[in-house]
Protein backbone atom coordinates (compact mmCIF):
# COMPACT_ATOMS: atom_id res chain seq x y z
CA MET A 1 10.65 17.16 22.98
CA VAL A 2 8.71 14.59 24.88
CA ALA A 3 5.97 17.02 25.49
CA ASN A 4 5.53 17.79 21.86
CA ILE A 5 5.40 14.33 20.95
CA VAL A 6 2.83 13.65 23.76
CA ASP A 7 0.81 16.65 22.42
CA LEU A 8 0.79 15.49 18.89
CA PHE A 9 -0.15 11.95 19.85
CA LEU A 10 -3.15 13.13 21.82
CA ARG A 11 -4.19 15.52 19.18
CA THR A 12 -3.89 13.07 16.34
CA ILE A 13 -5.46 9.94 17.89
CA PRO A 14 -8.67 10.07 15.71
CA GLY A 15 -6.56 10.39 12.46
CA PHE A 16 -4.04 7.64 13.39
CA PHE A 17 -6.66 5.42 14.55
CA SER A 18 -8.45 5.46 11.41
CA ALA A 19 -5.37 5.14 9.37
CA ALA A 20 -4.34 2.25 11.55
CA PHE A 21 -7.47 0.54 10.70
CA LEU A 22 -7.08 1.18 7.07
CA THR A 23 -3.47 -0.26 7.17
CA LEU A 24 -4.67 -3.48 8.93
CA GLU A 25 -7.55 -3.69 6.08
CA LEU A 26 -4.95 -3.06 3.53
CA THR A 27 -2.34 -5.68 4.86
CA PHE A 28 -5.16 -8.35 5.48
CA VAL A 29 -6.58 -8.00 1.84
CA GLY A 30 -2.96 -7.82 0.30
CA LEU A 31 -1.90 -10.84 2.33
CA LEU A 32 -5.12 -12.91 1.89
CA PHE A 33 -4.91 -12.53 -1.95
CA GLY A 34 -1.05 -12.76 -1.74
CA SER A 35 -1.40 -16.05 -0.03
CA VAL A 36 -3.82 -17.56 -2.82
CA LEU A 37 -1.38 -16.45 -5.48
CA GLY A 38 1.39 -17.92 -3.45
CA ILE A 39 -0.08 -21.35 -3.23
CA VAL A 40 -0.92 -21.34 -7.01
CA PHE A 41 2.49 -20.39 -7.97
CA ALA A 42 4.20 -22.67 -5.54
CA PHE A 43 2.36 -25.61 -7.12
CA PHE A 44 3.34 -24.06 -10.59
CA LYS A 45 7.12 -24.09 -9.33
CA ILE A 46 6.92 -27.84 -8.38
CA SER A 47 4.71 -28.83 -11.40
CA LYS A 48 6.26 -31.33 -13.61
CA LEU A 49 5.01 -29.21 -16.58
CA GLY A 50 7.90 -27.02 -17.84
CA PHE A 51 5.82 -24.19 -19.02
CA LEU A 52 4.15 -23.82 -15.69
CA GLN A 53 7.55 -23.74 -14.01
CA LYS A 54 8.63 -20.97 -16.28
CA ILE A 55 5.57 -18.98 -15.58
CA ALA A 56 6.04 -19.23 -11.95
CA GLY A 57 9.86 -18.45 -12.24
CA LEU A 58 9.05 -15.32 -14.39
CA TYR A 59 6.51 -14.00 -11.93
CA ILE A 60 8.95 -14.57 -9.05
CA THR A 61 11.86 -13.15 -10.85
CA VAL A 62 9.93 -9.97 -12.04
CA VAL A 63 8.47 -9.36 -8.67
CA ARG A 64 11.46 -9.91 -6.49
CA GLY A 65 13.83 -7.96 -8.90
CA THR A 66 11.76 -4.77 -8.91
CA PRO A 67 10.99 -2.40 -5.92
CA LEU A 68 7.56 -2.57 -4.55
CA ILE A 69 7.02 1.30 -4.81
CA VAL A 70 7.43 0.88 -8.66
CA GLN A 71 5.07 -2.03 -8.71
CA ILE A 72 2.53 0.03 -6.80
CA SER A 73 2.84 2.98 -9.20
CA PHE A 74 3.03 0.77 -12.29
CA LEU A 75 -0.20 -1.19 -11.36
CA TYR A 76 -2.15 1.91 -10.40
CA PHE A 77 -1.62 3.86 -13.41
CA GLY A 78 -1.51 0.96 -15.77
CA ILE A 79 -4.86 -0.25 -14.35
CA SER A 80 -6.40 3.09 -14.16
CA SER A 81 -5.87 3.43 -17.87
CA VAL A 82 -8.15 0.42 -18.59
CA PHE A 83 -10.80 0.67 -15.97
CA ILE A 84 -11.61 2.56 -12.82
CA LEU A 85 -10.07 1.25 -9.49
CA SER A 86 -10.05 2.91 -6.21
CA ASP A 87 -6.74 3.68 -4.52
CA PHE A 88 -7.24 1.19 -1.67
CA TRP A 89 -8.00 -1.77 -4.28
CA ALA A 90 -4.99 -0.80 -6.50
CA GLY A 91 -2.75 -0.65 -3.41
CA ALA A 92 -4.11 -3.97 -2.14
CA PHE A 93 -3.64 -5.75 -5.37
CA ALA A 94 -0.17 -4.55 -5.70
CA LEU A 95 0.69 -5.69 -2.10
CA ALA A 96 -0.99 -9.08 -3.10
CA ILE A 97 1.12 -9.51 -6.18
CA HIS A 98 4.33 -8.42 -4.39
CA ASN A 99 3.57 -10.73 -1.39
CA GLY A 100 2.54 -13.48 -3.64
CA ALA A 101 5.99 -14.18 -5.03
CA TYR A 102 7.66 -14.51 -1.52
CA ILE A 103 4.78 -16.69 -0.21
CA ALA A 104 5.25 -18.63 -3.24
CA GLU A 105 8.65 -19.56 -2.50
CA ILE A 106 7.95 -20.13 1.19
CA PHE A 107 5.27 -22.76 0.31
CA ARG A 108 7.37 -24.23 -2.07
CA GLY A 109 10.30 -24.82 0.39
CA ALA A 110 7.87 -26.11 2.90
CA ILE A 111 6.07 -28.58 0.49
CA GLN A 112 9.50 -29.88 -0.70
CA SER A 113 10.77 -30.21 2.84
CA VAL A 114 7.84 -32.88 3.50
CA ASP A 115 9.60 -36.24 3.31
CA LYS A 116 8.71 -37.96 0.01
CA GLY A 117 8.13 -40.99 1.62
CA GLN A 118 4.89 -39.40 3.00
CA MET A 119 3.34 -39.28 -0.54
CA GLU A 120 4.36 -42.89 -1.17
CA ALA A 121 2.71 -43.94 2.10
CA ALA A 122 -0.54 -42.02 1.17
CA LYS A 123 -0.46 -43.56 -2.33
CA SER A 124 -0.21 -47.11 -0.69
CA LEU A 125 -3.35 -46.22 1.29
CA GLY A 126 -5.27 -45.77 -2.06
CA MET A 127 -5.14 -41.91 -2.24
CA ASN A 128 -4.31 -40.10 -5.50
CA ASN A 129 -2.02 -37.26 -5.76
CA GLY A 130 -4.68 -34.53 -5.05
CA GLN A 131 -5.84 -36.28 -1.89
CA ALA A 132 -2.38 -37.05 -0.60
CA MET A 133 -1.33 -33.29 -1.12
CA ARG A 134 -4.59 -32.07 0.57
CA ARG A 135 -4.59 -34.66 3.56
CA ILE A 136 -1.02 -35.44 4.13
CA ILE A 137 1.43 -32.95 2.52
CA MET A 138 -0.12 -29.71 2.97
CA PRO A 139 -0.94 -29.69 6.64
CA GLN A 140 2.72 -30.62 7.23
CA ALA A 141 3.87 -28.05 4.87
CA PHE A 142 1.73 -25.21 6.48
CA LYS A 143 3.10 -26.18 9.85
CA PHE A 144 6.61 -25.77 8.61
CA SER A 145 5.88 -22.48 6.87
CA ILE A 146 4.42 -20.73 9.69
CA PRO A 147 7.69 -18.90 10.97
CA SER A 148 8.54 -17.74 7.44
CA LEU A 149 4.80 -16.77 6.87
CA GLY A 150 4.76 -14.81 10.12
CA ASN A 151 7.88 -12.85 9.06
CA GLN A 152 6.47 -12.25 5.55
CA PHE A 153 3.14 -11.07 7.18
CA ILE A 154 5.13 -8.69 9.24
CA ILE A 155 7.03 -7.28 6.35
CA GLY A 156 3.82 -6.96 4.34
CA LEU A 157 2.29 -4.81 7.20
CA LYS A 158 5.30 -2.59 7.09
CA ASP A 159 5.26 -2.53 3.11
CA SER A 160 1.79 -1.17 3.22
CA SER A 161 3.31 2.26 4.03
CA LEU A 162 4.39 2.49 0.44
CA VAL A 163 0.96 2.91 -0.93
CA TYR A 164 1.03 6.39 0.38
CA VAL A 165 2.36 7.18 -3.10
CA ILE A 166 -1.00 6.54 -4.61
CA GLY A 167 -2.91 8.67 -1.99
CA VAL A 168 -4.16 5.97 0.40
CA ALA A 169 -4.61 7.38 3.88
CA GLU A 170 -2.89 4.95 5.99
CA ILE A 171 -0.32 5.58 8.82
CA TYR A 172 2.61 6.84 6.91
CA SER A 173 0.34 9.00 4.72
CA VAL A 174 -1.24 10.61 7.79
CA ALA A 175 2.27 11.19 9.37
CA ASN A 176 3.33 12.69 6.23
CA ALA A 177 0.32 15.26 6.06
CA GLU A 178 0.83 16.20 9.73
CA ALA A 179 4.47 16.82 9.36
CA ALA A 180 3.80 19.02 6.49
CA GLN A 181 1.16 20.87 8.18
CA SER A 182 2.65 21.24 11.75
CA PHE A 183 6.21 21.28 10.72
CA GLN A 184 6.58 18.81 13.52
CA GLN A 185 8.42 16.15 11.30
CA PHE A 186 10.36 14.22 13.86
CA GLU A 187 7.18 14.00 16.22
CA ALA A 188 4.92 13.07 13.48
CA PHE A 189 6.92 10.10 12.40
CA PHE A 190 7.87 9.08 15.79
CA VAL A 191 4.17 8.73 16.40
CA ALA A 192 3.82 6.73 13.07
CA GLY A 193 6.61 4.56 14.23
CA LEU A 194 4.76 3.86 17.52
CA TYR A 195 1.62 2.70 15.67
CA TYR A 196 3.64 0.42 13.50
CA LEU A 197 5.62 -0.95 16.28
CA VAL A 198 2.27 -1.82 18.22
CA LEU A 199 0.80 -3.53 15.17
CA VAL A 200 3.86 -5.51 14.50
CA ILE A 201 4.12 -6.72 18.13
CA ILE A 202 0.38 -7.97 17.89
CA PHE A 203 1.17 -9.69 14.57
CA THR A 204 4.18 -11.36 16.30
CA GLN A 205 2.14 -12.48 19.31
CA LEU A 206 -0.56 -13.98 16.92
CA VAL A 207 1.98 -15.97 14.94
CA GLN A 208 3.78 -17.12 18.18
CA ARG A 209 0.59 -18.28 19.55
CA LEU A 210 -0.45 -20.00 16.31
CA GLU A 211 3.08 -21.95 16.38
CA LYS A 212 2.49 -23.02 19.99
CA ARG A 213 -0.87 -24.24 19.24
CA LEU A 214 0.32 -26.29 16.23
CA ASN A 215 3.07 -27.73 18.31
CA VAL A 216 0.80 -28.68 21.02
CA SER A 217 -1.75 -30.09 18.53
CA ASN A 218 0.98 -32.37 17.11
CA SER A 219 2.84 -33.32 20.18
């Protein structure tokens, strides 16, 4: 068994390396756009305007209430019926929309966890709401949100495996193809698991370093 795993690992290095790089690209794009959506809808959620709160609530409820694999398929086939979009970008947008709902709640909680006296103090110094939010509230909220964001980023990395359903050649897709071709299902998915594990460990280390750096800079 071990010999088979080692043999498959060595034989599939080029394919899995390419797939791992594509997985990272997919995750980065999905999380980047997801973070932008998250910030926007977090502000919608805490807005004093009722209709913005309802829009944010509807978005978050729908995304969190439906499986990601259904969202990917729905968006891919729905968008493809209107205009041409590559498998990669369809998957990335689906991941962005999915992650955005969770990131919105993370940012909302982080912003509301900042003491309200901070906003009042900023206004007493002559800042308007926008300046106070940008200079005082958001830096603190970002620091508070790092642990939760780190967890969401790791979840986003693992969730990227679901884009195999629309033909994106990421890690799981390569493992699935290798298992079907060589009939070494256990070995193929074991190797795929190792690649995901290494990527998750790297992500975890980066998040922990960022946390330490922020703690040092604010000590």
